[in-house]
Structure formats: C-alpha cells, structure tokens
Amino acid sequence: MRHDHGLTVTLQPHTARIRVLAVAGDLDHHTSPSLQAVMDELTLAAGDGLVIELTGLTFCDSTGISLLVAAHQRAQDAGAALALAGLHSDIAHVFEIMGLDRLFSFYDTTEKAATALR
C-alpha cells in the first residue's frame, strides 16, 4: 500500500487471475506518481484481469485520466482485461463527456467487475 498526499493505492489479490487495485483520494499530477509506481510493479499476462476500484476516488484530473488510459493500453498490450469499478457519478460523467465510456468498462461494484472479467 502506498499513501501520498491524500492518495492511497492498495493492491488486493482477488483470485489467481484477477487483481484489484483500490485507489482512494485525489488522483492528480501531485499524486499520480504513487499510482504509476504501483502500476509499474504490476505484471499482467494474457488472460489476467485487473479491476481498478475507484469508490474512494474523490478527484481525478487530466493526469489521473491519462494514467488510467495508459493502464488500459498496457493491459490490452498484455492480452489482459481491465475494468473500472465504483466510479462516483460526477467523475463518471466527466469520463463520459471525454468519450472514455467507450474505452473503459464501468461497473458499480468490484464483484460485478471481477465477474465480468472472468
């Protein structure tokens, strides 16, 4: 677990093939290196699934969005699947305005996301 300037990033094993990355707090250009560091340590293989759990996300700027897009691209390159869970409606609305709802799969809960990735 990493905690930096109001951002907490926790990697939680869910099943053998699916991991959950819980991100809570403000994700912005000050805190994104914490998430980047955890993402860099994460190895994704074909058939793996990663749920980024965002129930505790209170703010996300363009730097944070770019990081999530890069994570999605990295998962795709590895043949893995990535889903976002628990995104607050106001932040989800911003993602939709930017057209990111066509890139990401959004789920209400981590469990629904994990089931979809199986």
N, C-alpha and C. Protein backbone atom coordinates (compact mmCIF):
# COMPACT_ATOMS: atom_id res chain seq x y z
N MET A 1 0.85 -1.18 0.00
CA MET A 1 0.00 0.00 0.00
C MET A 1 0.89 1.24 0.00
N ARG A 2 0.52 2.20 -0.82
CA ARG A 2 1.23 3.48 -0.86
C ARG A 2 0.26 4.58 -0.48
N HIS A 3 0.74 5.54 0.27
CA HIS A 3 -0.10 6.66 0.67
C HIS A 3 0.70 7.93 0.40
N ASP A 4 0.12 8.83 -0.41
CA ASP A 4 0.87 10.01 -0.80
C ASP A 4 -0.07 11.20 -1.01
N HIS A 5 0.09 12.23 -0.20
CA HIS A 5 -0.68 13.48 -0.38
C HIS A 5 -2.17 13.24 -0.60
N GLY A 6 -2.76 12.41 0.23
CA GLY A 6 -4.20 12.20 0.10
C GLY A 6 -4.60 11.14 -0.90
N LEU A 7 -3.63 10.39 -1.46
CA LEU A 7 -3.96 9.28 -2.35
C LEU A 7 -3.47 8.00 -1.72
N THR A 8 -4.36 7.01 -1.66
CA THR A 8 -3.99 5.69 -1.16
C THR A 8 -4.20 4.68 -2.29
N VAL A 9 -3.18 3.88 -2.55
CA VAL A 9 -3.24 2.86 -3.59
C VAL A 9 -2.96 1.51 -2.93
N THR A 10 -3.90 0.58 -3.04
CA THR A 10 -3.77 -0.73 -2.39
C THR A 10 -4.02 -1.82 -3.41
N LEU A 11 -3.06 -2.73 -3.56
CA LEU A 11 -3.24 -3.87 -4.46
C LEU A 11 -3.77 -5.04 -3.64
N GLN A 12 -4.91 -5.58 -4.08
CA GLN A 12 -5.56 -6.67 -3.35
C GLN A 12 -5.71 -7.87 -4.29
N PRO A 13 -5.10 -9.00 -3.95
CA PRO A 13 -5.34 -10.19 -4.77
C PRO A 13 -6.82 -10.58 -4.63
N HIS A 14 -7.46 -10.89 -5.73
CA HIS A 14 -8.88 -11.25 -5.70
C HIS A 14 -9.02 -12.74 -5.97
N THR A 15 -8.52 -13.16 -7.12
CA THR A 15 -8.42 -14.59 -7.44
C THR A 15 -7.06 -14.77 -8.09
N ALA A 16 -6.77 -15.98 -8.52
CA ALA A 16 -5.46 -16.25 -9.12
C ALA A 16 -5.21 -15.35 -10.35
N ARG A 17 -6.25 -15.10 -11.14
CA ARG A 17 -6.08 -14.36 -12.38
C ARG A 17 -6.56 -12.91 -12.31
N ILE A 18 -7.27 -12.57 -11.25
CA ILE A 18 -7.84 -11.22 -11.16
C ILE A 18 -7.31 -10.51 -9.92
N ARG A 19 -6.81 -9.31 -10.14
CA ARG A 19 -6.34 -8.48 -9.03
C ARG A 19 -7.16 -7.20 -8.97
N VAL A 20 -7.24 -6.66 -7.77
CA VAL A 20 -7.99 -5.43 -7.56
C VAL A 20 -7.01 -4.37 -7.07
N LEU A 21 -7.04 -3.23 -7.73
CA LEU A 21 -6.22 -2.09 -7.33
C LEU A 21 -7.18 -1.01 -6.83
N ALA A 22 -7.18 -0.81 -5.51
CA ALA A 22 -8.08 0.18 -4.91
C ALA A 22 -7.36 1.53 -4.84
N VAL A 23 -7.99 2.54 -5.42
CA VAL A 23 -7.43 3.89 -5.47
C VAL A 23 -8.40 4.82 -4.74
N ALA A 24 -7.90 5.50 -3.71
CA ALA A 24 -8.78 6.38 -2.92
C ALA A 24 -8.10 7.72 -2.71
N GLY A 25 -8.91 8.78 -2.72
CA GLY A 25 -8.39 10.13 -2.51
C GLY A 25 -8.36 10.91 -3.80
N ASP A 26 -7.43 11.86 -3.89
CA ASP A 26 -7.30 12.72 -5.07
C ASP A 26 -6.23 12.16 -6.00
N LEU A 27 -6.61 11.93 -7.25
CA LEU A 27 -5.66 11.48 -8.27
C LEU A 27 -5.38 12.66 -9.19
N ASP A 28 -4.23 13.28 -9.00
CA ASP A 28 -3.86 14.45 -9.80
C ASP A 28 -2.36 14.41 -10.09
N HIS A 29 -1.83 15.49 -10.65
CA HIS A 29 -0.41 15.45 -11.06
C HIS A 29 0.54 15.35 -9.87
N HIS A 30 0.07 15.70 -8.66
CA HIS A 30 0.92 15.56 -7.46
C HIS A 30 0.96 14.11 -6.99
N THR A 31 -0.18 13.42 -7.10
CA THR A 31 -0.30 12.08 -6.51
C THR A 31 -0.15 10.95 -7.52
N SER A 32 -0.25 11.25 -8.80
CA SER A 32 -0.22 10.19 -9.81
C SER A 32 1.07 9.36 -9.79
N PRO A 33 2.25 9.90 -9.38
CA PRO A 33 3.43 9.03 -9.31
C PRO A 33 3.24 7.82 -8.38
N SER A 34 2.42 7.96 -7.34
CA SER A 34 2.15 6.82 -6.44
C SER A 34 1.44 5.70 -7.19
N LEU A 35 0.42 6.07 -7.96
CA LEU A 35 -0.31 5.07 -8.74
C LEU A 35 0.60 4.52 -9.84
N GLN A 36 1.38 5.38 -10.48
CA GLN A 36 2.30 4.94 -11.53
C GLN A 36 3.29 3.91 -11.01
N ALA A 37 3.81 4.15 -9.80
CA ALA A 37 4.79 3.23 -9.20
C ALA A 37 4.18 1.85 -8.99
N VAL A 38 2.94 1.80 -8.50
CA VAL A 38 2.27 0.52 -8.27
C VAL A 38 1.99 -0.16 -9.62
N MET A 39 1.54 0.63 -10.60
CA MET A 39 1.26 0.08 -11.93
C MET A 39 2.53 -0.50 -12.56
N ASP A 40 3.65 0.19 -12.36
CA ASP A 40 4.91 -0.27 -12.93
C ASP A 40 5.35 -1.61 -12.35
N GLU A 41 4.98 -1.86 -11.08
CA GLU A 41 5.35 -3.11 -10.42
C GLU A 41 4.41 -4.26 -10.78
N LEU A 42 3.28 -3.92 -11.38
CA LEU A 42 2.24 -4.89 -11.68
C LEU A 42 2.55 -5.61 -12.98
N THR A 43 2.57 -6.93 -12.93
CA THR A 43 2.79 -7.71 -14.14
C THR A 43 1.46 -8.27 -14.60
N LEU A 44 1.11 -7.99 -15.83
CA LEU A 44 -0.13 -8.51 -16.39
C LEU A 44 0.21 -9.47 -17.52
N ALA A 45 -0.45 -10.62 -17.51
CA ALA A 45 -0.25 -11.62 -18.55
C ALA A 45 -1.57 -11.85 -19.28
N ALA A 46 -1.48 -12.49 -20.44
CA ALA A 46 -2.68 -12.80 -21.21
C ALA A 46 -3.66 -13.58 -20.34
N GLY A 47 -4.91 -13.15 -20.35
CA GLY A 47 -5.94 -13.83 -19.57
C GLY A 47 -6.12 -13.27 -18.17
N ASP A 48 -5.21 -12.40 -17.73
CA ASP A 48 -5.35 -11.77 -16.42
C ASP A 48 -6.44 -10.70 -16.47
N GLY A 49 -6.92 -10.34 -15.29
CA GLY A 49 -7.88 -9.25 -15.19
C GLY A 49 -7.45 -8.31 -14.09
N LEU A 50 -7.65 -7.03 -14.32
CA LEU A 50 -7.35 -6.02 -13.32
C LEU A 50 -8.57 -5.14 -13.14
N VAL A 51 -9.05 -5.07 -11.91
CA VAL A 51 -10.15 -4.17 -11.57
C VAL A 51 -9.53 -2.98 -10.83
N ILE A 52 -9.74 -1.79 -11.35
CA ILE A 52 -9.30 -0.59 -10.62
C ILE A 52 -10.54 -0.08 -9.89
N GLU A 53 -10.48 -0.22 -8.57
CA GLU A 53 -11.62 0.08 -7.70
C GLU A 53 -11.52 1.54 -7.27
N LEU A 54 -12.51 2.34 -7.67
CA LEU A 54 -12.43 3.80 -7.51
C LEU A 54 -13.52 4.37 -6.60
N THR A 55 -14.11 3.53 -5.75
CA THR A 55 -15.16 4.01 -4.86
C THR A 55 -14.67 5.18 -4.00
N GLY A 56 -13.40 5.12 -3.58
CA GLY A 56 -12.86 6.16 -2.71
C GLY A 56 -12.22 7.32 -3.45
N LEU A 57 -12.32 7.32 -4.78
CA LEU A 57 -11.72 8.41 -5.56
C LEU A 57 -12.56 9.67 -5.41
N THR A 58 -11.93 10.75 -4.92
CA THR A 58 -12.67 11.99 -4.68
C THR A 58 -12.42 13.04 -5.75
N PHE A 59 -11.30 12.89 -6.49
CA PHE A 59 -10.96 13.87 -7.52
C PHE A 59 -10.05 13.20 -8.53
N CYS A 60 -10.21 13.54 -9.80
CA CYS A 60 -9.34 12.99 -10.84
C CYS A 60 -9.15 14.06 -11.91
N ASP A 61 -7.89 14.50 -12.10
CA ASP A 61 -7.63 15.49 -13.14
C ASP A 61 -7.13 14.79 -14.40
N SER A 62 -6.70 15.58 -15.38
CA SER A 62 -6.29 15.01 -16.67
C SER A 62 -5.08 14.08 -16.53
N THR A 63 -4.20 14.36 -15.57
CA THR A 63 -3.05 13.49 -15.34
C THR A 63 -3.52 12.11 -14.88
N GLY A 64 -4.47 12.09 -13.96
CA GLY A 64 -5.02 10.83 -13.47
C GLY A 64 -5.72 10.06 -14.57
N ILE A 65 -6.50 10.78 -15.40
CA ILE A 65 -7.20 10.14 -16.52
C ILE A 65 -6.18 9.55 -17.49
N SER A 66 -5.12 10.29 -17.79
CA SER A 66 -4.07 9.80 -18.70
C SER A 66 -3.44 8.52 -18.17
N LEU A 67 -3.24 8.47 -16.85
CA LEU A 67 -2.66 7.29 -16.21
C LEU A 67 -3.59 6.08 -16.35
N LEU A 68 -4.88 6.29 -16.18
CA LEU A 68 -5.85 5.21 -16.32
C LEU A 68 -5.92 4.73 -17.77
N VAL A 69 -5.85 5.67 -18.72
CA VAL A 69 -5.85 5.31 -20.14
C VAL A 69 -4.59 4.49 -20.47
N ALA A 70 -3.44 4.90 -19.92
CA ALA A 70 -2.18 4.16 -20.14
C ALA A 70 -2.27 2.76 -19.54
N ALA A 71 -2.91 2.63 -18.38
CA ALA A 71 -3.09 1.32 -17.74
C ALA A 71 -3.95 0.42 -18.62
N HIS A 72 -4.99 1.00 -19.20
CA HIS A 72 -5.87 0.25 -20.11
C HIS A 72 -5.08 -0.23 -21.32
N GLN A 73 -4.27 0.65 -21.89
CA GLN A 73 -3.46 0.30 -23.06
C GLN A 73 -2.46 -0.81 -22.73
N ARG A 74 -1.84 -0.68 -21.54
CA ARG A 74 -0.87 -1.69 -21.11
C ARG A 74 -1.54 -3.05 -20.93
N ALA A 75 -2.74 -3.05 -20.35
CA ALA A 75 -3.48 -4.30 -20.17
C ALA A 75 -3.80 -4.92 -21.53
N GLN A 76 -4.28 -4.09 -22.46
CA GLN A 76 -4.60 -4.58 -23.81
C GLN A 76 -3.37 -5.18 -24.49
N ASP A 77 -2.24 -4.48 -24.38
CA ASP A 77 -1.00 -4.96 -24.99
C ASP A 77 -0.59 -6.31 -24.43
N ALA A 78 -0.91 -6.55 -23.15
CA ALA A 78 -0.53 -7.81 -22.49
C ALA A 78 -1.56 -8.91 -22.72
N GLY A 79 -2.70 -8.56 -23.35
CA GLY A 79 -3.77 -9.53 -23.54
C GLY A 79 -4.61 -9.71 -22.29
N ALA A 80 -4.52 -8.74 -21.39
CA ALA A 80 -5.29 -8.77 -20.14
C ALA A 80 -6.50 -7.86 -20.27
N ALA A 81 -7.41 -7.97 -19.33
CA ALA A 81 -8.62 -7.15 -19.32
C ALA A 81 -8.59 -6.20 -18.14
N LEU A 82 -9.12 -5.00 -18.33
CA LEU A 82 -9.15 -4.01 -17.27
C LEU A 82 -10.55 -3.44 -17.16
N ALA A 83 -11.02 -3.26 -15.94
CA ALA A 83 -12.33 -2.67 -15.71
C ALA A 83 -12.23 -1.68 -14.56
N LEU A 84 -13.10 -0.68 -14.60
CA LEU A 84 -13.18 0.30 -13.52
C LEU A 84 -14.43 0.01 -12.71
N ALA A 85 -14.31 0.09 -11.38
CA ALA A 85 -15.45 -0.19 -10.51
C ALA A 85 -15.66 0.95 -9.53
N GLY A 86 -16.94 1.22 -9.25
CA GLY A 86 -17.29 2.13 -8.17
C GLY A 86 -17.02 3.60 -8.43
N LEU A 87 -16.99 4.01 -9.68
CA LEU A 87 -16.71 5.40 -10.01
C LEU A 87 -17.90 6.28 -9.61
N HIS A 88 -17.64 7.36 -8.87
CA HIS A 88 -18.70 8.30 -8.49
C HIS A 88 -19.34 8.89 -9.74
N SER A 89 -20.64 9.18 -9.66
CA SER A 89 -21.37 9.61 -10.84
C SER A 89 -20.83 10.90 -11.44
N ASP A 90 -20.36 11.84 -10.60
CA ASP A 90 -19.85 13.09 -11.17
C ASP A 90 -18.53 12.87 -11.91
N ILE A 91 -17.68 11.99 -11.40
CA ILE A 91 -16.43 11.68 -12.09
C ILE A 91 -16.73 10.84 -13.34
N ALA A 92 -17.66 9.91 -13.22
CA ALA A 92 -18.06 9.08 -14.36
C ALA A 92 -18.61 9.97 -15.48
N HIS A 93 -19.33 11.03 -15.10
CA HIS A 93 -19.90 11.96 -16.08
C HIS A 93 -18.78 12.64 -16.89
N VAL A 94 -17.71 13.03 -16.21
CA VAL A 94 -16.56 13.63 -16.89
C VAL A 94 -15.96 12.62 -17.87
N PHE A 95 -15.82 11.36 -17.43
CA PHE A 95 -15.28 10.32 -18.30
C PHE A 95 -16.16 10.16 -19.55
N GLU A 96 -17.49 10.21 -19.35
CA GLU A 96 -18.42 10.06 -20.47
C GLU A 96 -18.30 11.23 -21.44
N ILE A 97 -18.19 12.45 -20.91
CA ILE A 97 -18.03 13.64 -21.76
C ILE A 97 -16.80 13.49 -22.65
N MET A 98 -15.74 12.90 -22.08
CA MET A 98 -14.49 12.72 -22.82
C MET A 98 -14.52 11.49 -23.73
N GLY A 99 -15.63 10.76 -23.72
CA GLY A 99 -15.76 9.58 -24.57
C GLY A 99 -15.07 8.35 -24.01
N LEU A 100 -14.65 8.41 -22.75
CA LEU A 100 -13.91 7.29 -22.16
C LEU A 100 -14.80 6.12 -21.80
N ASP A 101 -16.12 6.33 -21.83
CA ASP A 101 -17.03 5.22 -21.58
C ASP A 101 -16.98 4.22 -22.74
N ARG A 102 -16.42 4.64 -23.87
CA ARG A 102 -16.24 3.71 -25.00
C ARG A 102 -14.94 2.92 -24.84
N LEU A 103 -14.02 3.43 -24.02
CA LEU A 103 -12.73 2.78 -23.81
C LEU A 103 -12.78 1.84 -22.61
N PHE A 104 -13.37 2.33 -21.53
CA PHE A 104 -13.40 1.57 -20.27
C PHE A 104 -14.74 0.88 -20.08
N SER A 105 -14.69 -0.23 -19.36
CA SER A 105 -15.92 -0.86 -18.86
C SER A 105 -16.10 -0.39 -17.42
N PHE A 106 -17.27 0.18 -17.13
CA PHE A 106 -17.59 0.67 -15.78
C PHE A 106 -18.54 -0.31 -15.10
N TYR A 107 -18.27 -0.59 -13.84
CA TYR A 107 -19.15 -1.46 -13.04
C TYR A 107 -19.41 -0.80 -11.70
N ASP A 108 -20.60 -1.08 -11.14
CA ASP A 108 -20.99 -0.48 -9.86
C ASP A 108 -20.10 -0.98 -8.72
N THR A 109 -19.77 -2.26 -8.76
CA THR A 109 -19.01 -2.86 -7.67
C THR A 109 -17.82 -3.65 -8.20
N THR A 110 -16.86 -3.87 -7.32
CA THR A 110 -15.70 -4.69 -7.65
C THR A 110 -16.13 -6.11 -8.02
N GLU A 111 -17.10 -6.63 -7.30
CA GLU A 111 -17.56 -8.00 -7.54
C GLU A 111 -18.14 -8.14 -8.96
N LYS A 112 -18.95 -7.16 -9.39
CA LYS A 112 -19.53 -7.19 -10.73
C LYS A 112 -18.43 -7.10 -11.79
N ALA A 113 -17.44 -6.25 -11.53
CA ALA A 113 -16.32 -6.10 -12.47
C ALA A 113 -15.53 -7.40 -12.57
N ALA A 114 -15.23 -8.00 -11.42
CA ALA A 114 -14.45 -9.25 -11.38
C ALA A 114 -15.19 -10.36 -12.11
N THR A 115 -16.49 -10.42 -11.91
CA THR A 115 -17.32 -11.44 -12.59
C THR A 115 -17.27 -11.23 -14.10
N ALA A 116 -17.35 -9.98 -14.53
CA ALA A 116 -17.33 -9.67 -15.96
C ALA A 116 -15.98 -10.03 -16.60
N LEU A 117 -14.91 -9.95 -15.83
CA LEU A 117 -13.58 -10.22 -16.36
C LEU A 117 -13.24 -11.71 -16.39
N ARG A 118 -14.01 -12.51 -15.69
CA ARG A 118 -13.70 -13.96 -15.63
C ARG A 118 -13.91 -14.64 -16.97
